[in-house]
Amino acid sequence: MREKARIPSSIGIMIAILFLVVFWGLPAQAGAKSEVVAIEGMSYNVNASLEDNLKSLVGKNVLVTCVSGKTISGFVKNVGNHFIHLEKLDGKEYFDALIRIENICSVEAQFRKIQR
């Protein structure tokens, strides 16, 4: 009877050890192989106007926050003298937005990514 009781407990210990190795050992190795790198061609110029900074982001995915507090995320299709044209809006892929540049209070864009 004692032999049968030891088998389930040793299996439980082996499963616990395997669990610890898999969930604590592997993520540390995966994190060591990846690094954060800058995305080529992505930068802001604080000495330029908002319009010029937006022109450098044509074709990129941005998050625009308006003075009203509303945020709109999409790809910059075109930038004119007074408006920015965003396409493929998040959650509304078949919609575009035309936003007055003077109503924009901030622009967010991804400048770094994880390279594996």
Protein backbone atom coordinates (compact mmCIF):
# COMPACT_ATOMS: atom_id res chain seq x y z
CA MET A 1 0.00 0.00 0.00
CA ARG A 2 2.82 2.39 0.74
CA GLU A 3 4.34 1.92 -2.74
CA LYS A 4 1.09 2.97 -4.44
CA ALA A 5 0.88 6.14 -2.32
CA ARG A 6 4.42 7.25 -3.26
CA ILE A 7 3.84 7.10 -7.05
CA PRO A 8 1.17 9.86 -7.22
CA SER A 9 3.17 12.14 -4.92
CA SER A 10 6.35 11.77 -7.03
CA ILE A 11 4.36 12.49 -10.19
CA GLY A 12 2.99 15.63 -8.53
CA ILE A 13 6.49 16.80 -7.61
CA MET A 14 7.73 16.17 -11.16
CA ILE A 15 4.82 18.16 -12.62
CA ALA A 16 5.53 21.04 -10.22
CA ILE A 17 9.21 21.10 -11.22
CA LEU A 18 8.30 21.01 -14.91
CA PHE A 19 5.84 23.86 -14.37
CA LEU A 20 8.52 26.00 -12.69
CA VAL A 21 11.07 25.36 -15.44
CA VAL A 22 8.65 26.13 -18.27
CA PHE A 23 7.03 29.27 -16.84
CA TRP A 24 10.07 30.84 -15.19
CA GLY A 25 12.98 29.64 -17.29
CA LEU A 26 11.72 30.13 -20.83
CA PRO A 27 10.46 33.75 -20.62
CA ALA A 28 13.88 34.84 -19.32
CA GLN A 29 15.54 33.28 -22.34
CA ALA A 30 13.01 34.79 -24.76
CA GLY A 31 13.52 38.27 -23.29
CA ALA A 32 17.28 38.02 -23.64
CA LYS A 33 17.06 37.43 -27.40
CA SER A 34 14.88 40.46 -28.20
CA GLU A 35 15.82 44.12 -28.20
CA VAL A 36 14.04 47.42 -28.74
CA VAL A 37 15.09 49.17 -31.95
CA ALA A 38 14.11 52.46 -33.55
CA ILE A 39 11.81 52.35 -36.58
CA GLU A 40 13.64 53.81 -39.55
CA GLY A 41 12.36 57.17 -40.77
CA MET A 42 10.28 57.89 -37.67
CA SER A 43 11.07 61.07 -35.77
CA TYR A 44 9.63 64.38 -34.64
CA ASN A 45 11.21 67.76 -35.32
CA VAL A 46 10.37 70.07 -32.43
CA ASN A 47 11.63 73.09 -34.41
CA ALA A 48 9.15 72.46 -37.24
CA SER A 49 5.42 73.13 -37.38
CA LEU A 50 2.80 70.52 -36.58
CA GLU A 51 1.95 70.45 -40.30
CA ASP A 52 5.57 69.59 -41.24
CA ASN A 53 5.73 66.89 -38.56
CA LEU A 54 2.49 65.39 -39.87
CA LYS A 55 3.88 65.37 -43.43
CA SER A 56 6.78 63.22 -42.24
CA LEU A 57 4.25 60.67 -40.94
CA VAL A 58 2.42 60.08 -44.27
CA GLY A 59 1.71 56.35 -44.59
CA LYS A 60 2.23 55.74 -40.86
CA ASN A 61 -0.31 54.78 -38.20
CA VAL A 62 -0.91 57.65 -35.75
CA LEU A 63 -3.20 58.55 -32.87
CA VAL A 64 -4.48 62.13 -33.12
CA THR A 65 -5.97 63.85 -30.09
CA CYS A 66 -8.16 66.86 -30.81
CA VAL A 67 -8.70 69.91 -28.61
CA SER A 68 -12.16 68.51 -27.78
CA GLY A 69 -10.48 65.45 -26.20
CA LYS A 70 -11.58 63.01 -28.89
CA THR A 71 -8.87 60.65 -30.17
CA ILE A 72 -8.80 59.22 -33.68
CA SER A 73 -6.39 56.51 -34.81
CA GLY A 74 -5.59 55.73 -38.43
CA PHE A 75 -3.05 55.99 -41.23
CA VAL A 76 -1.98 59.43 -42.48
CA LYS A 77 -2.95 59.54 -46.16
CA ASN A 78 -2.31 63.21 -46.91
CA VAL A 79 -1.53 66.49 -45.17
CA GLY A 80 -2.61 69.83 -46.62
CA ASN A 81 -2.30 73.42 -45.45
CA HIS A 82 -5.30 73.19 -43.11
CA PHE A 83 -6.37 69.53 -42.94
CA ILE A 84 -5.02 66.04 -42.34
CA HIS A 85 -6.62 63.05 -44.07
CA LEU A 86 -6.62 59.83 -42.01
CA GLU A 87 -7.66 56.53 -43.59
CA LYS A 88 -8.37 53.01 -42.27
CA LEU A 89 -9.53 54.29 -38.89
CA ASP A 90 -9.19 51.82 -36.01
CA GLY A 91 -12.52 50.10 -35.52
CA LYS A 92 -13.84 51.75 -38.71
CA GLU A 93 -11.59 50.32 -41.44
CA TYR A 94 -13.89 51.54 -44.24
CA PHE A 95 -14.03 55.12 -42.96
CA ASP A 96 -11.71 58.09 -43.41
CA ALA A 97 -11.43 61.29 -41.37
CA LEU A 98 -10.62 64.85 -42.36
CA ILE A 99 -9.29 66.76 -39.35
CA ARG A 100 -8.50 70.47 -39.14
CA ILE A 101 -4.82 70.80 -38.15
CA GLU A 102 -5.51 73.76 -35.85
CA ASN A 103 -7.86 71.49 -33.81
CA ILE A 104 -5.11 68.92 -33.10
CA CYS A 105 -3.48 69.15 -29.68
CA SER A 106 -1.25 66.02 -29.89
CA VAL A 107 -0.05 63.32 -32.25
CA GLU A 108 1.22 59.91 -31.13
CA ALA A 109 3.15 57.48 -33.33
CA GLN A 110 5.14 54.30 -32.75
CA PHE A 111 8.88 55.05 -32.94
CA ARG A 112 10.28 51.79 -31.54
CA LYS A 113 9.55 48.09 -31.93
CA ILE A 114 10.84 44.82 -30.49
CA GLN A 115 13.21 42.99 -32.78
CA ARG A 116 13.64 39.27 -32.19
